[in-house]
Every structure is written in C-alpha cells, then in structure tokens.
Protein backbone atom coordinates (compact mmCIF):
# COMPACT_ATOMS: atom_id res chain seq x y z
CA UNK A 1 -15.94 19.04 15.68
CA UNK A 2 -14.93 15.36 15.40
CA UNK A 3 -11.46 15.05 13.89
CA UNK A 4 -10.97 18.73 13.24
CA UNK A 5 -8.86 19.14 16.35
CA UNK A 6 -6.21 16.84 14.90
CA UNK A 7 -3.53 17.46 12.29
CA UNK A 8 -4.14 15.92 8.89
CA UNK A 9 -1.10 13.67 9.48
CA UNK A 10 -2.81 12.35 12.64
CA UNK A 11 -6.00 11.55 10.70
CA UNK A 12 -4.20 9.92 7.73
CA UNK A 13 -1.05 8.42 9.11
CA UNK A 14 1.76 6.89 7.05
CA UNK A 15 1.72 3.25 8.20
CA UNK A 16 3.45 1.43 5.36
CA UNK A 17 5.79 2.23 2.45
CA UNK A 18 7.89 0.88 -0.36
CA UNK A 19 10.47 3.54 -1.01
CA UNK A 20 10.54 4.93 -4.54
CA UNK A 21 13.26 3.84 -6.88
CA UNK A 22 14.16 1.76 -9.89
CA UNK A 23 12.59 -1.72 -9.45
CA UNK A 24 14.09 -4.60 -11.28
CA UNK A 25 12.11 -7.55 -12.61
CA UNK A 26 10.56 -9.33 -9.62
CA UNK A 27 8.23 -8.64 -6.72
CA UNK A 28 8.66 -6.17 -3.90
CA UNK A 29 6.22 -5.64 -1.04
CA UNK A 30 5.55 -3.38 1.88
CA UNK A 31 5.76 -4.78 5.36
CA UNK A 32 2.57 -6.41 6.73
CA UNK A 33 0.15 -3.85 8.21
CA UNK A 34 -2.03 -4.71 11.22
CA UNK A 35 -5.55 -3.73 10.18
CA UNK A 36 -6.82 -3.98 13.79
CA UNK A 37 -5.36 -0.51 14.25
CA UNK A 38 -7.26 1.27 11.46
CA UNK A 39 -10.62 1.19 9.74
CA UNK A 40 -9.31 2.13 6.32
CA UNK A 41 -6.08 2.13 4.35
CA UNK A 42 -5.27 4.11 1.23
CA UNK A 43 -2.38 2.78 -0.83
CA UNK A 44 -0.93 5.42 -3.17
CA UNK A 45 1.19 3.91 -5.90
CA UNK A 46 3.46 6.15 -7.96
CA UNK A 47 4.88 4.83 -11.22
CA UNK A 48 7.74 6.68 -12.84
CA UNK A 49 9.76 5.85 -15.98
CA UNK A 50 9.21 2.37 -17.33
CA UNK A 51 11.70 0.63 -19.65
CA UNK A 52 10.51 -0.37 -23.08
CA UNK A 53 8.07 -3.31 -22.85
CA UNK A 54 7.92 -3.30 -18.98
CA UNK A 55 4.83 -4.20 -17.03
CA UNK A 56 3.81 -3.47 -13.44
CA UNK A 57 1.16 -5.41 -11.45
CA UNK A 58 -0.03 -4.06 -8.10
CA UNK A 59 -2.31 -5.87 -5.64
CA UNK A 60 -3.21 -6.10 -1.99
CA UNK A 61 -2.55 -9.35 -0.13
CA UNK A 62 -3.86 -10.44 3.26
CA UNK A 63 -2.41 -12.73 5.98
CA UNK A 64 -3.33 -14.09 9.39
CA UNK A 65 -0.45 -12.34 11.16
CA UNK A 66 2.54 -10.01 10.70
CA UNK A 67 4.69 -12.91 9.54
CA UNK A 68 2.52 -13.47 6.47
CA UNK A 69 0.94 -16.77 7.49
CA UNK A 70 -1.39 -18.17 4.80
CA UNK A 71 -0.95 -15.10 2.54
CA UNK A 72 -3.44 -14.68 -0.27
CA UNK A 73 -4.76 -11.94 -2.52
CA UNK A 74 -7.67 -9.71 -1.42
CA UNK A 75 -10.40 -10.14 -4.03
CA UNK A 76 -11.00 -7.06 -6.11
CA UNK A 77 -8.00 -5.15 -4.72
CA UNK A 78 -5.61 -4.92 -7.67
CA UNK A 79 -4.88 -2.49 -10.46
CA UNK A 80 -5.28 -3.44 -14.07
CA UNK A 81 -1.82 -4.27 -15.38
CA UNK A 82 0.23 -1.19 -16.13
CA UNK A 83 2.08 -1.27 -19.44
CA UNK A 84 4.84 0.95 -20.77
CA UNK A 85 3.38 0.30 -24.25
CA UNK A 86 0.09 1.91 -23.05
CA UNK A 87 1.90 4.98 -21.73
CA UNK A 88 1.07 4.00 -18.14
CA UNK A 89 4.44 5.41 -16.97
CA UNK A 90 4.58 8.60 -14.89
CA UNK A 91 1.17 7.94 -13.28
CA UNK A 92 -0.35 7.65 -9.84
CA UNK A 93 -2.94 5.10 -8.61
CA UNK A 94 -4.88 4.46 -5.40
CA UNK A 95 -6.30 1.32 -3.86
CA UNK A 96 -8.58 1.74 -0.84
CA UNK A 97 -9.41 -1.13 1.55
CA UNK A 98 -11.31 -1.46 4.85
CA UNK A 99 -10.59 -3.91 7.58
CA UNK A 100 -13.94 -5.51 6.82
CA UNK A 101 -12.72 -6.47 3.33
CA UNK A 102 -10.26 -8.94 4.81
CA UNK A 103 -11.35 -12.56 5.14
CA UNK A 104 -12.48 -12.29 8.75
CA UNK A 105 -14.11 -15.71 8.69
CA UNK A 106 -10.63 -17.25 8.25
CA UNK A 107 -9.09 -14.76 10.75
CA UNK A 108 -7.11 -12.63 8.29
CA UNK A 109 -5.83 -9.50 10.09
CA UNK A 110 -2.95 -8.03 8.08
CA UNK A 111 -2.40 -6.70 4.60
CA UNK A 112 0.45 -5.55 2.39
CA UNK A 113 0.94 -4.02 -1.04
CA UNK A 114 2.72 -6.18 -3.61
CA UNK A 115 4.35 -4.66 -6.72
CA UNK A 116 5.54 -6.99 -9.48
CA UNK A 117 7.68 -5.66 -12.30
CA UNK A 118 7.85 -7.78 -15.47
CA UNK A 119 10.01 -7.86 -18.61
CA UNK A 120 12.21 -4.87 -17.73
CA UNK A 121 12.71 -2.28 -14.93
CA UNK A 122 10.32 0.42 -13.85
CA UNK A 123 10.45 3.22 -11.28
CA UNK A 124 7.83 2.80 -8.51
CA UNK A 125 7.02 3.66 -4.93
CA UNK A 126 4.12 3.10 -2.52
CA UNK A 127 2.86 4.98 0.45
CA UNK A 128 0.16 3.37 2.64
CA UNK A 129 -1.97 5.75 4.78
CA UNK A 130 -4.04 4.48 7.71
CA UNK A 131 -7.32 6.38 8.14
CA UNK A 132 -9.56 6.53 11.16
CA UNK A 133 -7.25 4.84 13.66
CA UNK A 134 -9.04 2.79 16.25
CA UNK A 135 -6.69 4.11 18.94
CA UNK A 136 -5.45 7.67 18.79
CA UNK A 137 -2.96 8.95 18.03
CA UNK A 138 -2.00 6.40 15.36
CA UNK A 139 1.77 6.05 15.21
CA UNK A 140 3.54 6.51 11.84
CA UNK A 141 6.11 3.99 10.57
CA UNK A 142 9.70 4.62 11.65
CA UNK A 143 10.90 6.05 8.37
CA UNK A 144 8.95 9.26 8.87
CA UNK A 145 11.83 11.59 9.58
CA UNK A 146 10.21 14.97 10.21
CA UNK A 147 6.68 16.12 10.81
CA UNK A 148 5.93 19.86 10.91
CA UNK A 149 2.59 20.95 12.41
C-alpha cells in the first residue's frame, strides 16, 4: 500500500508560504526550508492582477543554513519573466526541486522561493509543499490553521 494509509496532506505537506496579496516593487521571499526533511518540494506560485507594465520574476535560492548563509540561485529553477503586457496575470505556475538539486558539494541544505516585482505592483502568493518526507509525519508550517481529515 505504501503511502495510501496517509492523508494527502501528510504526503504533500505545506512547509513554506508567502501569503497572497498585493506586492509592491521589490523582492519578497518565503522562509528558508530545510531540505534534509523532504526529498521533493513543489512551489506553487499564483499571480493575480498585475498593474500596467508590471513584471514578476520567480526563482529558487539555496543556502548553507536556515539563516541564508552564502545564498545563491539554484541553476535552472526559475520561471521565465512574467509580464502584464503578455497577459501573464491571473495565472498559476509550478517549480519542482529535489534535495539532490542543491549544491551538495558546497554543503547547501536549504532553499526558499524569491518573488521580485518590477515597475509596478502585482498580486502574488506562494505555497511550498514538501513531498516524501524523510521522517513521518512531516509537520506543516505554523500558519496552517485547520486540517480536516
């Protein structure tokens, strides 16, 4: 049976988030996520209304610890720039990443999602799900208010 005896929320656990809302020009990130606890993450990025001319850049970054030491981008883990002019508003996007895709040779262990809004404001939010936790059950982040089985 494998994982069939567990709830879907126990197999894909919310382990990171950037709450949805109107994002001003600048960069906002999720908290650092410890990849030693999961084999995979799935970052779901929701883009809402975008002001005229606005841009949104989304990427995964890695660090050597939860404080963000020596943070750098994860190669190949970014979306093509989203443009209001291209009607990229009101869309959803996914970036997948395994723990093996971090720079293990340099001892990178954590990742986060970075969202940069340029030119003018855009509505955005991010949910990061941890899949295949190394230790079960995987604990969700504290902003999960209710879970109904």
